[in-house]
Protein backbone atom coordinates (compact mmCIF):
# COMPACT_ATOMS: atom_id res chain seq x y z
CA UNK A 1 160.10 89.20 125.48
CA UNK A 2 163.43 89.10 127.31
CA UNK A 3 165.25 89.54 124.01
CA UNK A 4 163.16 92.59 123.14
CA UNK A 5 163.87 94.18 126.54
CA UNK A 6 167.51 93.25 127.03
CA UNK A 7 168.73 92.07 123.62
CA UNK A 8 171.02 95.03 123.00
CA UNK A 9 173.01 94.61 126.18
CA UNK A 10 176.20 92.58 126.30
CA UNK A 11 177.64 93.38 129.72
CA UNK A 12 176.56 93.56 133.36
CA UNK A 13 178.51 96.06 135.43
CA UNK A 14 178.82 96.24 139.19
CA UNK A 15 179.28 99.84 140.28
CA UNK A 16 181.18 99.78 143.57
CA UNK A 17 180.41 102.82 145.68
CA UNK A 18 182.08 104.06 148.88
CA UNK A 19 180.65 102.36 151.95
CA UNK A 20 179.23 99.44 149.98
CA UNK A 21 179.02 96.41 152.24
CA UNK A 22 179.43 92.77 151.21
CA UNK A 23 180.75 93.47 147.72
CA UNK A 24 181.22 89.73 147.15
CA UNK A 25 177.48 89.18 147.55
CA UNK A 26 176.77 91.73 144.79
CA UNK A 27 179.52 90.26 142.61
CA UNK A 28 177.76 86.90 142.81
CA UNK A 29 174.38 88.47 142.00
CA UNK A 30 175.75 90.38 139.00
CA UNK A 31 177.44 87.18 137.77
CA UNK A 32 174.14 85.26 138.11
CA UNK A 33 172.34 87.87 136.02
CA UNK A 34 175.14 88.01 133.44
CA UNK A 35 175.27 84.22 133.17
CA UNK A 36 171.51 84.08 132.61
CA UNK A 37 171.73 86.55 129.72
CA UNK A 38 175.12 85.41 128.42
CA UNK A 39 176.73 88.77 129.16
CA UNK A 40 180.25 89.71 130.18
CA UNK A 41 180.84 91.00 133.71
CA UNK A 42 182.80 94.08 134.70
CA UNK A 43 183.28 96.32 137.73
CA UNK A 44 183.82 100.05 137.98
CA UNK A 45 184.35 102.37 140.91
CA UNK A 46 181.49 104.76 141.47
CA UNK A 47 181.07 107.69 143.78
CA UNK A 48 178.22 109.47 145.50
CA UNK A 49 179.04 113.08 144.58
CA UNK A 50 176.01 113.55 142.31
CA UNK A 51 173.62 112.11 144.89
CA UNK A 52 175.20 114.21 147.63
CA UNK A 53 174.84 117.35 145.50
CA UNK A 54 171.13 116.65 145.01
CA UNK A 55 170.66 116.21 148.76
CA UNK A 56 172.64 119.40 149.50
CA UNK A 57 170.89 121.35 146.74
CA UNK A 58 174.05 122.36 144.88
CA UNK A 59 175.44 121.74 141.43
CA UNK A 60 178.41 119.58 140.50
CA UNK A 61 180.89 120.70 137.83
CA UNK A 62 180.50 118.75 134.61
CA UNK A 63 176.87 117.81 135.23
CA UNK A 64 174.22 119.32 132.99
CA UNK A 65 171.00 120.37 134.68
CA UNK A 66 167.83 120.68 132.62
CA UNK A 67 164.49 121.80 133.99
CA UNK A 68 161.39 119.72 133.19
CA UNK A 69 160.08 120.67 129.76
CA UNK A 70 163.22 122.66 128.91
CA UNK A 71 164.95 122.01 125.57
CA UNK A 72 168.58 120.93 125.73
CA UNK A 73 170.81 123.36 123.84
CA UNK A 74 174.54 123.89 123.34
CA UNK A 75 174.42 126.50 126.11
CA UNK A 76 173.73 123.77 128.66
CA UNK A 77 177.07 122.19 127.79
CA UNK A 78 178.94 125.50 127.95
CA UNK A 79 177.62 126.39 131.38
CA UNK A 80 178.18 123.12 133.25
CA UNK A 81 180.05 124.81 136.10
CA UNK A 82 179.30 123.84 139.67
CA UNK A 83 178.57 125.64 142.92
CA UNK A 84 179.48 123.00 145.55
């Protein structure tokens, strides 16, 4: 069952975000998970701009917004301008 759920993954990634406390704790946890599955471990820097834009109710440049039930078209990619 684990193979069917996670078999296509090969890496566990810790996304470090601003204000994250006790990064070493999360490094250990990610390593435990990766070791269990036999995955590589990596870290990347994340940010909270998308989450902040959702809370503020504004759009972020480069993010495509699609309404529920709406079909994704090329126009979505052309009009990915922001208003924050």
